[in-house]
Amino acid sequence: MSQHSPFGKVPQWVWWSFVPALGGLAIVYAGSKAKVNKWMYVGAGFTLFSFILAESELVSLLWIGQIVTSFFLKNDYLVKMGMQEPVLSGESNKFRQLALSGQKIDINNCSKDDLVRGLGLPIVYANDIETLRSEGYLFTHIEELNEIIGIPTETLQKIEPFVTFGYYPTQEEEASWRRVNTYSVEELMVAGLDRNVALTIVRERQKGEFKSVMDLKRRTKLPLKTFQHLM
């Protein structure tokens, strides 16, 4: 649940954090919903120390701290819950770490958390990537994320330096686009391709195997929709 405010989209639990002493439970709630244990521990800590220091002047600082923490976690919560697209900038700690360390995220073998928190992709795209991978599809090129998943080109330009595409034969089923490298014209037609499309693919294949869906598309100059059902 959220509401309009001068601070943008703010989940209801953020306003609950304004409650003295018990406001830390709002962070516990957010951690539970977003499945982030660390947030739950932080919220529980605020609540516990608020009672321990109830007679101390420090309790006011704790109260302010839990409010500030709630607003700090707000955007991450909205992204995790699919209520907001993250900003691809230095605001993401993990994104900064990737830039500094030179590490790359393997699109074919990473977690959904890596896609959402590491690369800043909206949850809807992360879900689609995960669905295709579970069906045996392996991505081989950054442009496939636009052609197949629909991720905007501007977004892909930002994440391209931080991604890689590993090849894992055991993850790929026989019903893969790679059939175009072995099937005859007749077999491609049985698989649902138009004869002219099948002939074009086989002729171009004589120059060498196709390395990716994008390689197939570029070399044959065929629209993706003419062979997309092979994926």
Foldseek 3Di string as FASTA:
>chain_A
DFDDDPLGTFDPLLVCLLDQLQNLVSQLVLCVVLVNVVSNVRSVVLNVVLVVCVVPPCSVVSSVVSNVVRSLCGVVSCQSVLNDQDDQDVSQVLCVVCVVPQAAAALLDHDLCCVCRNLRGRSQLSVVSVVVLQVAEFAQDLCCSCVPSNDDPVSSVSRVSRYHTDDDVVSHDPLYPQVLLPDALVRVVVVPADSVLNVLSVVQCVVDGQPGLVSSCVSSVDPCVRCVSSD
